[in-house]
Amino acid sequence: MSHPSLILRIDDRLIHGQVIVGWGSRFPIHTYVVVDDEIAEQEWERNLLKMAVPPDKTVEILTIREGVQFITEHLQAKPMIMVLISSPFQLEAMANAGLPPMEVNIGGLHFKEGRKQYLNYLFLTEEEKDAFLRLMENGFTFYCQDIPNNPRIDLKKVLERQRK
């Protein structure tokens, strides 16, 4: 379930400072992969994301199907890979396209109208919460950790605490 050379992260900002500086300086991440059907079709968005990554790193922008294939082929990759998606709905689409259950890091899902706060960096709509619960039922595990220096927090426990 856990793959020490691959970090799959849900973060609505995708590639940004916490990802490059925080995670990239703590782990030997060589390749950043953004999986998003819409961004994969937009050259200007692809170029914008690529500019956020240091020149000695590799960036791939893939569709959901391409992302599932890439992850499957690189589960034990060396050097390390970080795969970034922006929502649990994308992860559900990836699971439906054949992605096996795995451990997933949740970075920032930030405030937007209609979202409820669970952690300082985790705001979810009911639909997003339900998507995470469905994914858990299908074998995915989630830990919330915006930066590597902060503690890992089990999403299941966060959601259970909110029910009480």
Protein backbone atom coordinates (compact mmCIF):
# COMPACT_ATOMS: atom_id res chain seq x y z
CA MET A 1 0.00 0.00 0.00
CA SER A 2 2.79 2.44 0.89
CA HIS A 3 5.41 3.06 -1.76
CA PRO A 4 8.53 4.69 -0.32
CA SER A 5 9.69 6.08 -3.65
CA LEU A 6 6.36 7.61 -4.70
CA ILE A 7 4.29 10.23 -2.89
CA LEU A 8 0.74 10.71 -4.16
CA ARG A 9 -0.52 14.08 -2.88
CA ILE A 10 -3.87 15.84 -3.09
CA ASP A 11 -3.30 19.60 -3.03
CA ASP A 12 -5.57 22.11 -4.72
CA ARG A 13 -2.56 24.32 -5.54
CA LEU A 14 -0.64 21.44 -7.14
CA ILE A 15 2.97 22.67 -7.54
CA HIS A 16 3.88 25.49 -5.16
CA GLY A 17 6.44 26.46 -2.50
CA GLN A 18 5.46 23.88 0.14
CA VAL A 19 5.76 21.14 -2.45
CA ILE A 20 9.07 22.25 -3.97
CA VAL A 21 10.83 23.64 -0.90
CA GLY A 22 9.18 21.69 1.92
CA TRP A 23 8.84 18.25 0.39
CA GLY A 24 11.54 18.61 -2.26
CA SER A 25 14.23 19.53 0.26
CA ARG A 26 13.20 16.76 2.70
CA PHE A 27 12.94 13.94 0.15
CA PRO A 28 15.01 13.20 -2.95
CA ILE A 29 12.16 13.98 -5.33
CA HIS A 30 13.39 14.03 -8.90
CA THR A 31 10.14 14.07 -10.85
CA TYR A 32 6.91 15.96 -10.20
CA VAL A 33 3.86 14.62 -12.01
CA VAL A 34 0.61 16.59 -12.23
CA VAL A 35 -2.39 14.45 -13.18
CA ASP A 36 -5.26 16.53 -14.52
CA ASP A 37 -7.18 16.11 -17.77
CA GLU A 38 -7.89 19.82 -18.21
CA ILE A 39 -4.36 21.04 -17.46
CA ALA A 40 -2.91 18.37 -19.76
CA GLU A 41 -4.82 20.03 -22.63
CA GLN A 42 -3.80 23.63 -21.82
CA GLU A 43 -0.28 24.49 -22.98
CA TRP A 44 -0.12 27.75 -21.00
CA GLU A 45 -1.09 25.95 -17.75
CA ARG A 46 1.43 23.18 -18.41
CA ASN A 47 4.13 25.79 -18.98
CA LEU A 48 3.16 27.72 -15.85
CA LEU A 49 3.47 24.60 -13.67
CA LYS A 50 6.77 23.65 -15.28
CA MET A 51 8.20 27.09 -14.45
CA ALA A 52 7.55 26.47 -10.74
CA VAL A 53 9.98 23.54 -10.65
CA PRO A 54 13.78 23.91 -10.46
CA PRO A 55 15.57 23.17 -13.75
CA ASP A 56 17.33 20.10 -12.33
CA LYS A 57 13.96 18.39 -11.76
CA THR A 58 11.60 16.74 -14.23
CA VAL A 59 7.94 17.67 -14.65
CA GLU A 60 5.24 15.60 -16.33
CA ILE A 61 1.67 16.80 -16.93
CA LEU A 62 -0.57 13.83 -17.65
CA THR A 63 -4.20 12.93 -18.17
CA ILE A 64 -5.87 10.67 -15.63
CA ARG A 65 -5.38 7.57 -17.79
CA GLU A 66 -1.74 8.46 -18.47
CA GLY A 67 -1.24 9.19 -14.77
CA VAL A 68 -2.55 5.78 -13.71
CA GLN A 69 -0.24 4.09 -16.20
CA PHE A 70 2.72 6.23 -15.07
CA ILE A 71 2.12 5.47 -11.38
CA THR A 72 1.67 1.75 -12.03
CA GLU A 73 4.94 1.64 -13.96
CA HIS A 74 6.87 3.71 -11.39
CA LEU A 75 5.71 2.36 -8.00
CA GLN A 76 9.26 1.37 -7.11
CA ALA A 77 10.97 4.14 -9.06
CA LYS A 78 14.35 5.53 -8.23
CA PRO A 79 14.77 8.42 -7.82
CA MET A 80 11.64 9.51 -5.98
CA ILE A 81 8.48 10.80 -7.68
CA MET A 82 5.72 13.06 -6.35
CA VAL A 83 2.36 12.81 -8.08
CA LEU A 84 0.01 15.76 -7.54
CA ILE A 85 -3.74 15.90 -8.03
CA SER A 86 -6.15 18.59 -6.89
CA SER A 87 -9.17 16.71 -5.51
CA PRO A 88 -10.53 13.41 -4.22
CA PHE A 89 -12.72 13.29 -7.33
CA GLN A 90 -9.62 13.00 -9.49
CA LEU A 91 -8.41 10.17 -7.26
CA GLU A 92 -11.77 8.41 -7.71
CA ALA A 93 -11.41 8.78 -11.49
CA MET A 94 -7.90 7.35 -11.25
CA ALA A 95 -9.17 4.42 -9.14
CA ASN A 96 -11.89 3.79 -11.72
CA ALA A 97 -9.17 3.79 -14.40
CA GLY A 98 -7.26 1.06 -12.55
CA LEU A 99 -5.14 2.76 -9.88
CA PRO A 100 -4.66 0.28 -7.03
CA PRO A 101 -5.39 1.38 -3.46
CA MET A 102 -2.47 3.18 -1.85
CA GLU A 103 -1.50 5.64 0.82
CA VAL A 104 -2.24 9.26 -0.14
CA ASN A 105 -0.92 12.48 1.36
CA ILE A 106 -3.40 15.33 1.74
CA GLY A 107 -1.74 18.71 1.57
CA GLY A 108 -3.92 21.74 1.20
CA LEU A 109 -7.57 21.76 0.31
CA HIS A 110 -8.22 25.36 1.14
CA PHE A 111 -11.24 27.45 2.02
CA LYS A 112 -13.89 27.93 -0.64
CA GLU A 113 -17.55 28.75 -0.25
CA GLY A 114 -19.41 25.65 0.87
CA ARG A 115 -16.44 23.94 2.49
CA LYS A 116 -16.24 23.06 6.18
CA GLN A 117 -12.95 23.33 8.08
CA TYR A 118 -11.39 20.15 9.44
CA LEU A 119 -7.76 21.29 9.89
CA ASN A 120 -5.97 24.59 9.26
CA TYR A 121 -5.29 23.51 5.69
CA LEU A 122 -8.18 21.08 5.13
CA PHE A 123 -11.62 22.33 4.11
CA LEU A 124 -14.10 19.92 2.52
CA THR A 125 -17.55 20.00 0.99
CA GLU A 126 -19.90 17.15 1.90
CA GLU A 127 -19.30 15.72 -1.58
CA GLU A 128 -15.51 15.75 -1.09
CA LYS A 129 -15.87 14.14 2.34
CA ASP A 130 -18.10 11.44 0.83
CA ALA A 131 -15.52 10.84 -1.93
CA PHE A 132 -12.80 10.31 0.67
CA LEU A 133 -15.05 7.89 2.59
CA ARG A 134 -15.77 5.92 -0.61
CA LEU A 135 -12.05 5.75 -1.38
CA MET A 136 -11.33 4.51 2.16
CA GLU A 137 -13.96 1.80 1.71
CA ASN A 138 -12.04 0.74 -1.40
CA GLY A 139 -8.71 0.41 0.42
CA PHE A 140 -7.10 3.85 0.09
CA THR A 141 -5.57 5.36 3.22
CA PHE A 142 -5.01 9.07 3.78
CA TYR A 143 -2.77 11.12 5.98
CA CYS A 144 -2.99 14.88 6.29
CA GLN A 145 0.39 16.60 6.33
CA ASP A 146 0.88 19.98 4.70
CA ILE A 147 4.67 19.99 5.19
CA PRO A 148 7.00 17.14 6.17
CA ASN A 149 7.99 18.75 9.50
CA ASN A 150 4.39 18.67 10.72
CA PRO A 151 2.87 15.49 12.16
CA ARG A 152 0.95 13.04 10.00
CA ILE A 153 -2.73 13.04 10.88
CA ASP A 154 -5.00 10.16 9.89
CA LEU A 155 -7.87 11.56 7.79
CA LYS A 156 -10.21 8.85 9.03
CA LYS A 157 -9.74 10.05 12.62
CA VAL A 158 -10.24 13.68 11.57
CA LEU A 159 -13.55 12.84 9.90
CA GLU A 160 -14.69 10.68 12.84
CA ARG A 161 -13.87 13.49 15.29
CA GLN A 162 -16.10 15.86 13.34
CA ARG A 163 -19.06 13.47 13.60
CA LYS A 164 -19.07 13.63 17.39
